[in-house]
N, C-alpha and C. Protein backbone atom coordinates (compact mmCIF):
# COMPACT_ATOMS: atom_id res chain seq x y z
N MET A 1 -14.26 259.14 7.75
CA MET A 1 -15.47 258.37 7.96
C MET A 1 -16.37 258.51 6.73
N ILE A 2 -17.01 257.44 6.35
CA ILE A 2 -17.89 257.43 5.18
C ILE A 2 -19.27 257.91 5.59
N ASP A 3 -19.80 258.88 4.84
CA ASP A 3 -21.12 259.45 5.11
C ASP A 3 -22.19 258.56 4.47
N PRO A 4 -23.03 257.89 5.26
CA PRO A 4 -24.04 256.99 4.69
C PRO A 4 -25.10 257.72 3.87
N ASN A 5 -25.25 259.03 4.06
CA ASN A 5 -26.21 259.79 3.26
C ASN A 5 -25.70 259.98 1.83
N LYS A 6 -24.39 259.99 1.66
CA LYS A 6 -23.79 260.14 0.33
C LYS A 6 -23.40 258.80 -0.26
N THR A 7 -23.01 257.85 0.58
CA THR A 7 -22.54 256.54 0.14
C THR A 7 -23.23 255.47 0.98
N PRO A 8 -24.42 255.01 0.54
CA PRO A 8 -25.16 254.02 1.34
C PRO A 8 -24.62 252.60 1.25
N ALA A 9 -23.70 252.35 0.30
CA ALA A 9 -23.10 251.01 0.17
C ALA A 9 -21.75 251.14 -0.51
N TYR A 10 -20.84 250.23 -0.19
CA TYR A 10 -19.53 250.21 -0.83
C TYR A 10 -18.94 248.81 -0.70
N ILE A 11 -17.85 248.58 -1.43
CA ILE A 11 -17.14 247.31 -1.40
C ILE A 11 -15.76 247.55 -0.78
N THR A 12 -15.32 246.65 0.06
CA THR A 12 -14.01 246.74 0.69
C THR A 12 -13.46 245.32 0.85
N HIS A 13 -12.42 245.18 1.64
CA HIS A 13 -11.87 243.84 1.93
C HIS A 13 -11.34 243.82 3.35
N THR A 14 -11.18 242.62 3.88
CA THR A 14 -10.66 242.47 5.23
C THR A 14 -9.19 242.84 5.27
N THR A 15 -8.74 243.31 6.42
CA THR A 15 -7.33 243.64 6.61
C THR A 15 -6.65 242.65 7.55
N GLN A 16 -7.43 241.78 8.14
CA GLN A 16 -6.89 240.72 9.00
C GLN A 16 -7.48 239.40 8.54
N ARG A 17 -6.76 238.35 8.78
CA ARG A 17 -7.25 237.02 8.40
C ARG A 17 -8.49 236.66 9.21
N SER A 18 -9.42 236.00 8.56
CA SER A 18 -10.61 235.52 9.26
C SER A 18 -10.24 234.34 10.14
N VAL A 19 -11.20 233.84 10.90
CA VAL A 19 -10.97 232.67 11.75
C VAL A 19 -10.48 231.50 10.90
N GLY A 20 -10.98 231.41 9.67
CA GLY A 20 -10.57 230.36 8.75
C GLY A 20 -9.21 230.59 8.12
N GLY A 21 -8.59 231.75 8.40
CA GLY A 21 -7.25 232.02 7.91
C GLY A 21 -7.15 232.73 6.58
N ALA A 22 -8.26 233.32 6.09
CA ALA A 22 -8.25 233.93 4.77
C ALA A 22 -8.64 235.40 4.81
N PHE A 23 -8.28 236.11 3.74
CA PHE A 23 -8.75 237.47 3.47
C PHE A 23 -9.89 237.36 2.47
N PHE A 24 -10.84 238.32 2.47
CA PHE A 24 -11.93 238.28 1.50
C PHE A 24 -12.55 239.65 1.32
N ALA A 25 -13.31 239.79 0.22
CA ALA A 25 -14.00 241.03 -0.10
C ALA A 25 -15.35 241.08 0.62
N LEU A 26 -15.83 242.29 0.87
CA LEU A 26 -17.09 242.50 1.58
C LEU A 26 -17.92 243.59 0.92
N MET A 27 -19.24 243.41 0.86
CA MET A 27 -20.14 244.50 0.51
C MET A 27 -20.72 245.01 1.82
N ILE A 28 -20.57 246.29 2.05
CA ILE A 28 -21.05 246.92 3.28
C ILE A 28 -22.21 247.85 2.91
N LYS A 29 -23.32 247.77 3.64
CA LYS A 29 -24.47 248.65 3.41
C LYS A 29 -24.89 249.30 4.72
N TRP A 30 -25.42 250.51 4.60
CA TRP A 30 -25.95 251.22 5.75
C TRP A 30 -27.35 250.70 6.05
N ASP A 31 -27.55 250.20 7.26
CA ASP A 31 -28.84 249.71 7.71
C ASP A 31 -29.46 250.82 8.57
N ARG A 32 -30.59 251.34 8.14
CA ARG A 32 -31.21 252.49 8.81
C ARG A 32 -31.96 252.12 10.09
N THR A 33 -32.11 250.84 10.38
CA THR A 33 -32.83 250.45 11.59
C THR A 33 -31.99 250.73 12.83
N GLU A 34 -32.64 250.80 13.95
CA GLU A 34 -31.97 250.96 15.25
C GLU A 34 -30.98 252.12 15.28
N GLY A 35 -31.31 253.22 14.62
CA GLY A 35 -30.45 254.39 14.62
C GLY A 35 -29.39 254.38 13.53
N GLY A 36 -29.27 253.29 12.81
CA GLY A 36 -28.33 253.19 11.69
C GLY A 36 -26.99 252.60 12.09
N PHE A 37 -26.50 251.69 11.25
CA PHE A 37 -25.18 251.09 11.46
C PHE A 37 -24.71 250.46 10.15
N TRP A 38 -23.39 250.34 10.00
CA TRP A 38 -22.82 249.67 8.83
C TRP A 38 -22.92 248.17 9.05
N ASP A 39 -23.39 247.46 8.03
CA ASP A 39 -23.61 246.02 8.14
C ASP A 39 -22.96 245.30 6.97
N ILE A 40 -22.35 244.17 7.23
CA ILE A 40 -21.82 243.34 6.15
C ILE A 40 -23.01 242.73 5.44
N TRP A 41 -23.21 243.11 4.19
CA TRP A 41 -24.37 242.67 3.43
C TRP A 41 -24.09 241.36 2.72
N ARG A 42 -22.91 241.27 2.09
CA ARG A 42 -22.51 240.04 1.40
C ARG A 42 -21.00 239.91 1.47
N THR A 43 -20.52 238.71 1.30
CA THR A 43 -19.07 238.49 1.18
C THR A 43 -18.76 238.07 -0.24
N GLY A 44 -17.53 238.32 -0.65
CA GLY A 44 -17.11 237.96 -2.00
C GLY A 44 -17.03 236.45 -2.18
N VAL A 45 -16.71 236.05 -3.41
CA VAL A 45 -16.69 234.62 -3.73
C VAL A 45 -15.40 233.94 -3.32
N GLY A 46 -14.30 234.69 -3.25
CA GLY A 46 -13.01 234.07 -2.98
C GLY A 46 -12.57 234.17 -1.53
N ARG A 47 -11.68 233.27 -1.16
CA ARG A 47 -10.97 233.31 0.12
C ARG A 47 -9.50 233.25 -0.25
N TYR A 48 -8.73 234.23 0.20
CA TYR A 48 -7.38 234.41 -0.31
C TYR A 48 -6.32 234.31 0.77
N ASP A 49 -5.15 233.82 0.37
CA ASP A 49 -4.01 233.72 1.28
C ASP A 49 -3.33 235.06 1.49
N ASN A 50 -3.57 236.02 0.58
CA ASN A 50 -2.92 237.33 0.74
C ASN A 50 -3.93 238.45 0.51
N ILE A 51 -3.64 239.57 1.10
CA ILE A 51 -4.55 240.71 1.07
C ILE A 51 -4.67 241.32 -0.32
N GLU A 52 -3.61 241.22 -1.13
CA GLU A 52 -3.62 241.81 -2.47
C GLU A 52 -4.69 241.16 -3.35
N ASP A 53 -4.83 239.85 -3.26
CA ASP A 53 -5.85 239.16 -4.06
C ASP A 53 -7.26 239.53 -3.60
N ALA A 54 -7.45 239.68 -2.30
CA ALA A 54 -8.76 240.11 -1.78
C ALA A 54 -9.07 241.52 -2.26
N ALA A 55 -8.07 242.40 -2.27
CA ALA A 55 -8.26 243.77 -2.74
C ALA A 55 -8.60 243.79 -4.22
N GLU A 56 -7.95 242.93 -5.00
CA GLU A 56 -8.23 242.86 -6.44
C GLU A 56 -9.68 242.44 -6.68
N GLU A 57 -10.16 241.42 -5.96
CA GLU A 57 -11.56 241.02 -6.11
C GLU A 57 -12.49 242.16 -5.69
N ALA A 58 -12.17 242.84 -4.59
CA ALA A 58 -13.02 243.94 -4.11
C ALA A 58 -13.12 245.05 -5.16
N ARG A 59 -12.00 245.42 -5.78
CA ARG A 59 -12.04 246.47 -6.82
C ARG A 59 -12.87 246.01 -8.02
N TRP A 60 -12.67 244.76 -8.45
CA TRP A 60 -13.43 244.24 -9.58
C TRP A 60 -14.92 244.20 -9.25
N TRP A 61 -15.27 243.70 -8.07
CA TRP A 61 -16.66 243.59 -7.64
C TRP A 61 -17.32 244.96 -7.57
N ALA A 62 -16.62 245.93 -6.98
CA ALA A 62 -17.16 247.29 -6.88
C ALA A 62 -17.45 247.85 -8.26
N ASP A 63 -16.53 247.64 -9.20
CA ASP A 63 -16.73 248.12 -10.56
C ASP A 63 -17.94 247.44 -11.20
N ALA A 64 -18.06 246.13 -11.03
CA ALA A 64 -19.17 245.38 -11.61
C ALA A 64 -20.52 245.82 -11.04
N GLU A 65 -20.55 246.19 -9.75
CA GLU A 65 -21.79 246.61 -9.09
C GLU A 65 -22.05 248.11 -9.26
N GLY A 66 -21.05 248.85 -9.75
CA GLY A 66 -21.19 250.30 -9.85
C GLY A 66 -21.14 250.99 -8.50
N LEU A 67 -20.45 250.36 -7.55
CA LEU A 67 -20.33 250.89 -6.19
C LEU A 67 -18.92 251.41 -5.93
N PRO A 68 -18.76 252.31 -4.97
CA PRO A 68 -17.42 252.75 -4.61
C PRO A 68 -16.63 251.62 -3.97
N TYR A 69 -15.31 251.72 -4.10
CA TYR A 69 -14.38 250.80 -3.44
C TYR A 69 -13.70 251.57 -2.32
N TYR A 70 -13.70 251.02 -1.11
CA TYR A 70 -13.01 251.64 0.01
C TYR A 70 -11.74 250.86 0.28
N ASP A 71 -10.61 251.55 0.20
CA ASP A 71 -9.31 250.95 0.50
C ASP A 71 -9.06 251.11 2.00
N PRO A 72 -9.18 250.03 2.78
CA PRO A 72 -9.03 250.15 4.23
C PRO A 72 -7.60 250.38 4.69
N ILE A 73 -6.62 250.13 3.83
CA ILE A 73 -5.23 250.38 4.18
C ILE A 73 -4.93 251.87 4.06
N LYS A 74 -5.29 252.45 2.91
CA LYS A 74 -5.05 253.88 2.66
C LYS A 74 -6.16 254.76 3.22
N LYS A 75 -7.27 254.12 3.64
CA LYS A 75 -8.44 254.83 4.14
C LYS A 75 -8.96 255.83 3.10
N GLU A 76 -9.11 255.32 1.85
CA GLU A 76 -9.58 256.14 0.73
C GLU A 76 -10.79 255.48 0.08
N LEU A 77 -11.78 256.32 -0.26
CA LEU A 77 -12.97 255.87 -0.96
C LEU A 77 -12.82 256.26 -2.43
N HIS A 78 -12.92 255.29 -3.33
CA HIS A 78 -12.80 255.52 -4.77
C HIS A 78 -14.15 255.31 -5.41
N ASP A 79 -14.59 256.28 -6.24
CA ASP A 79 -15.88 256.06 -6.90
C ASP A 79 -15.75 254.96 -7.94
N ALA A 80 -16.88 254.46 -8.40
CA ALA A 80 -16.89 253.29 -9.27
C ALA A 80 -16.06 253.48 -10.53
N SER A 81 -16.01 254.70 -11.06
CA SER A 81 -15.27 254.93 -12.30
C SER A 81 -13.76 254.89 -12.10
N SER A 82 -13.29 254.97 -10.87
CA SER A 82 -11.83 254.97 -10.62
C SER A 82 -11.35 253.71 -9.92
N ASN A 83 -12.18 252.68 -9.83
CA ASN A 83 -11.80 251.48 -9.09
C ASN A 83 -10.57 250.79 -9.65
N GLU A 84 -10.42 250.75 -10.98
CA GLU A 84 -9.25 250.08 -11.55
C GLU A 84 -7.97 250.84 -11.21
N GLN A 85 -8.04 252.17 -11.16
CA GLN A 85 -6.85 252.94 -10.82
C GLN A 85 -6.49 252.83 -9.34
N ALA A 86 -7.44 252.39 -8.50
CA ALA A 86 -7.20 252.31 -7.06
C ALA A 86 -6.15 251.26 -6.72
N GLY A 87 -5.95 250.29 -7.58
CA GLY A 87 -5.02 249.20 -7.28
C GLY A 87 -3.68 249.53 -7.61
C-alpha cells in the first residue's frame, strides 16, 4: 500500500479496459478531505489498445512531472529517477 504521507501523488495506468475499450495513464493524488482518499486527479492524453502503450505513457508522464510511477501489475512504486528503468 502506498503511504500518502510519503507519496501524496503518483502516476499509474489502468489494468482493465475502460467502458470505451481503452487503457490509459492516470495521475492519482491523495485528497485529505473526508478522512482522506486516493482520487484520480487527471488522465493521460492517450487512449490505447494495449496496456504496454498506456504503461509507456505513464512512465514518461511520471518522469516529466517528477512524480513516482506505480506499476499496478508488479505492485511496485518507482521514484521519478528510475521511471525509465521501470519499463
